[in-house]
């Protein structure tokens, strides 16, 4: 999906970790960032992929 090309490396990493079922807290810990920062990345992922939920974002991620 061409929308995936708009995501930064960090956003793709977070999307990948979400696809593994990791929580925002677990992602924050493994990426050495704050949970707030993870939420900001997720919000930007939603905007770039034009989705409204993790489920929708993962559906597009898995289609690529």
N, C-alpha and C. Protein backbone atom coordinates (compact mmCIF):
# COMPACT_ATOMS: atom_id res chain seq x y z
N UNK A 1 0.85 -1.18 0.00
CA UNK A 1 0.00 0.00 0.00
C UNK A 1 0.89 1.24 0.00
N UNK A 2 0.62 2.18 -0.89
CA UNK A 2 1.45 3.37 -1.01
C UNK A 2 1.47 4.21 0.25
N UNK A 3 0.41 4.12 1.07
CA UNK A 3 0.36 4.88 2.32
C UNK A 3 1.47 4.47 3.27
N UNK A 4 1.89 3.21 3.21
CA UNK A 4 2.96 2.71 4.08
C UNK A 4 4.26 3.47 3.83
N UNK A 5 4.47 3.93 2.61
CA UNK A 5 5.70 4.65 2.26
C UNK A 5 5.79 5.98 3.00
N UNK A 6 4.65 6.50 3.45
CA UNK A 6 4.64 7.78 4.17
C UNK A 6 5.11 7.64 5.62
N UNK A 7 5.09 6.42 6.14
CA UNK A 7 5.45 6.21 7.55
C UNK A 7 6.96 6.27 7.75
N UNK A 8 7.34 6.83 8.89
CA UNK A 8 8.77 6.87 9.24
C UNK A 8 9.20 5.49 9.71
N UNK A 9 10.50 5.30 9.84
CA UNK A 9 11.03 4.02 10.32
C UNK A 9 10.49 3.71 11.72
N UNK A 10 10.42 4.71 12.57
CA UNK A 10 9.92 4.51 13.95
C UNK A 10 8.44 4.14 13.93
N UNK A 11 7.66 4.80 13.07
CA UNK A 11 6.23 4.49 12.98
C UNK A 11 6.02 3.06 12.49
N UNK A 12 6.84 2.63 11.52
CA UNK A 12 6.75 1.25 11.04
C UNK A 12 7.13 0.27 12.14
N UNK A 13 8.16 0.63 12.92
CA UNK A 13 8.58 -0.23 14.03
C UNK A 13 7.45 -0.37 15.05
N UNK A 14 6.79 0.73 15.38
CA UNK A 14 5.69 0.70 16.34
C UNK A 14 4.52 -0.11 15.78
N UNK A 15 4.21 0.06 14.52
CA UNK A 15 3.13 -0.70 13.89
C UNK A 15 3.45 -2.19 13.92
N UNK A 16 4.71 -2.53 13.66
CA UNK A 16 5.14 -3.94 13.71
C UNK A 16 4.97 -4.50 15.13
N UNK A 17 5.38 -3.73 16.13
CA UNK A 17 5.24 -4.19 17.52
C UNK A 17 3.77 -4.33 17.91
N UNK A 18 2.92 -3.43 17.41
CA UNK A 18 1.48 -3.56 17.66
C UNK A 18 0.94 -4.83 17.02
N UNK A 19 1.47 -5.16 15.83
CA UNK A 19 1.02 -6.37 15.13
C UNK A 19 1.40 -7.64 15.89
N UNK A 20 2.43 -7.53 16.74
CA UNK A 20 2.83 -8.67 17.58
C UNK A 20 2.02 -8.74 18.87
N UNK A 21 1.08 -7.80 19.02
CA UNK A 21 0.20 -7.82 20.19
C UNK A 21 0.76 -7.10 21.40
N UNK A 22 1.80 -6.33 21.21
CA UNK A 22 2.41 -5.62 22.34
C UNK A 22 1.56 -4.40 22.71
N UNK A 23 1.52 -4.12 24.01
CA UNK A 23 0.78 -2.95 24.50
C UNK A 23 1.63 -1.70 24.31
N UNK A 24 1.01 -0.54 24.46
CA UNK A 24 1.75 0.71 24.31
C UNK A 24 2.85 0.80 25.36
N UNK A 25 2.59 0.31 26.56
CA UNK A 25 3.61 0.32 27.62
C UNK A 25 4.78 -0.56 27.24
N UNK A 26 4.50 -1.74 26.70
CA UNK A 26 5.57 -2.65 26.30
C UNK A 26 6.40 -2.05 25.15
N UNK A 27 5.70 -1.39 24.21
CA UNK A 27 6.40 -0.75 23.10
C UNK A 27 7.29 0.38 23.62
N UNK A 28 6.75 1.17 24.53
CA UNK A 28 7.52 2.28 25.10
C UNK A 28 8.79 1.75 25.77
N UNK A 29 8.65 0.68 26.54
CA UNK A 29 9.80 0.10 27.23
C UNK A 29 10.83 -0.44 26.25
N UNK A 30 10.39 -1.15 25.21
CA UNK A 30 11.34 -1.76 24.27
C UNK A 30 12.00 -0.72 23.35
N UNK A 31 11.33 0.42 23.13
CA UNK A 31 11.89 1.47 22.27
C UNK A 31 12.58 2.57 23.08
N UNK A 32 12.53 2.44 24.41
CA UNK A 32 13.14 3.43 25.31
C UNK A 32 12.57 4.83 25.11
N UNK A 33 11.23 4.87 24.98
CA UNK A 33 10.52 6.14 24.86
C UNK A 33 9.33 6.13 25.82
N UNK A 34 8.72 7.27 26.03
CA UNK A 34 7.57 7.38 26.92
C UNK A 34 6.30 6.85 26.25
N UNK A 35 5.36 6.39 27.06
CA UNK A 35 4.07 5.92 26.53
C UNK A 35 3.40 7.05 25.76
N UNK A 36 3.53 8.29 26.26
CA UNK A 36 2.97 9.45 25.57
C UNK A 36 3.52 9.56 24.15
N UNK A 37 4.81 9.30 24.00
CA UNK A 37 5.45 9.37 22.68
C UNK A 37 4.91 8.28 21.76
N UNK A 38 4.68 7.09 22.32
CA UNK A 38 4.10 6.00 21.52
C UNK A 38 2.72 6.42 21.03
N UNK A 39 1.92 7.02 21.92
CA UNK A 39 0.58 7.48 21.54
C UNK A 39 0.66 8.51 20.42
N UNK A 40 1.64 9.41 20.48
CA UNK A 40 1.82 10.42 19.43
C UNK A 40 2.14 9.75 18.10
N UNK A 41 3.04 8.76 18.13
CA UNK A 41 3.37 8.03 16.91
C UNK A 41 2.13 7.32 16.35
N UNK A 42 1.35 6.70 17.23
CA UNK A 42 0.15 5.98 16.79
C UNK A 42 -0.85 6.96 16.17
N UNK A 43 -0.99 8.13 16.78
CA UNK A 43 -1.89 9.16 16.23
C UNK A 43 -1.45 9.55 14.81
N UNK A 44 -0.14 9.72 14.63
CA UNK A 44 0.38 10.08 13.30
C UNK A 44 0.19 8.95 12.30
N UNK A 45 0.33 7.72 12.77
CA UNK A 45 0.10 6.55 11.91
C UNK A 45 -1.35 6.58 11.43
N UNK A 46 -2.30 6.83 12.36
CA UNK A 46 -3.72 6.90 12.00
C UNK A 46 -3.94 7.96 10.92
N UNK A 47 -3.34 9.14 11.11
CA UNK A 47 -3.52 10.23 10.14
C UNK A 47 -2.97 9.84 8.77
N UNK A 48 -1.77 9.28 8.75
CA UNK A 48 -1.13 8.95 7.47
C UNK A 48 -1.83 7.80 6.75
N UNK A 49 -2.35 6.83 7.52
CA UNK A 49 -3.03 5.69 6.90
C UNK A 49 -4.53 5.95 6.73
N UNK A 50 -5.01 7.08 7.27
CA UNK A 50 -6.43 7.45 7.21
C UNK A 50 -7.31 6.37 7.83
N UNK A 51 -6.96 6.02 9.08
CA UNK A 51 -7.73 5.03 9.84
C UNK A 51 -8.09 5.62 11.20
N UNK A 52 -8.93 4.88 11.95
CA UNK A 52 -9.39 5.38 13.24
C UNK A 52 -9.14 4.41 14.38
N UNK A 53 -8.48 3.29 14.11
CA UNK A 53 -8.22 2.32 15.18
C UNK A 53 -6.97 1.50 14.87
N UNK A 54 -6.46 0.86 15.90
CA UNK A 54 -5.31 -0.03 15.74
C UNK A 54 -5.68 -1.16 14.78
N UNK A 55 -6.89 -1.68 14.91
CA UNK A 55 -7.33 -2.79 14.05
C UNK A 55 -7.28 -2.40 12.58
N UNK A 56 -7.79 -1.20 12.26
CA UNK A 56 -7.75 -0.73 10.87
C UNK A 56 -6.31 -0.53 10.39
N UNK A 57 -5.48 0.04 11.25
CA UNK A 57 -4.08 0.28 10.88
C UNK A 57 -3.37 -1.05 10.62
N UNK A 58 -3.63 -2.04 11.47
CA UNK A 58 -2.99 -3.35 11.29
C UNK A 58 -3.50 -4.05 10.04
N UNK A 59 -4.76 -3.83 9.69
CA UNK A 59 -5.31 -4.44 8.47
C UNK A 59 -4.54 -3.90 7.26
N UNK A 60 -4.28 -2.60 7.25
CA UNK A 60 -3.52 -2.02 6.14
C UNK A 60 -2.07 -2.48 6.19
N UNK A 61 -1.51 -2.58 7.38
CA UNK A 61 -0.12 -3.04 7.55
C UNK A 61 0.04 -4.47 7.02
N UNK A 62 -0.92 -5.31 7.31
CA UNK A 62 -0.84 -6.71 6.90
C UNK A 62 -1.09 -6.91 5.41
N UNK A 63 -1.73 -5.93 4.75
CA UNK A 63 -1.99 -6.01 3.30
C UNK A 63 -0.76 -5.71 2.46
N UNK A 64 0.17 -4.97 3.04
CA UNK A 64 1.32 -4.47 2.25
C UNK A 64 2.10 -5.54 1.57
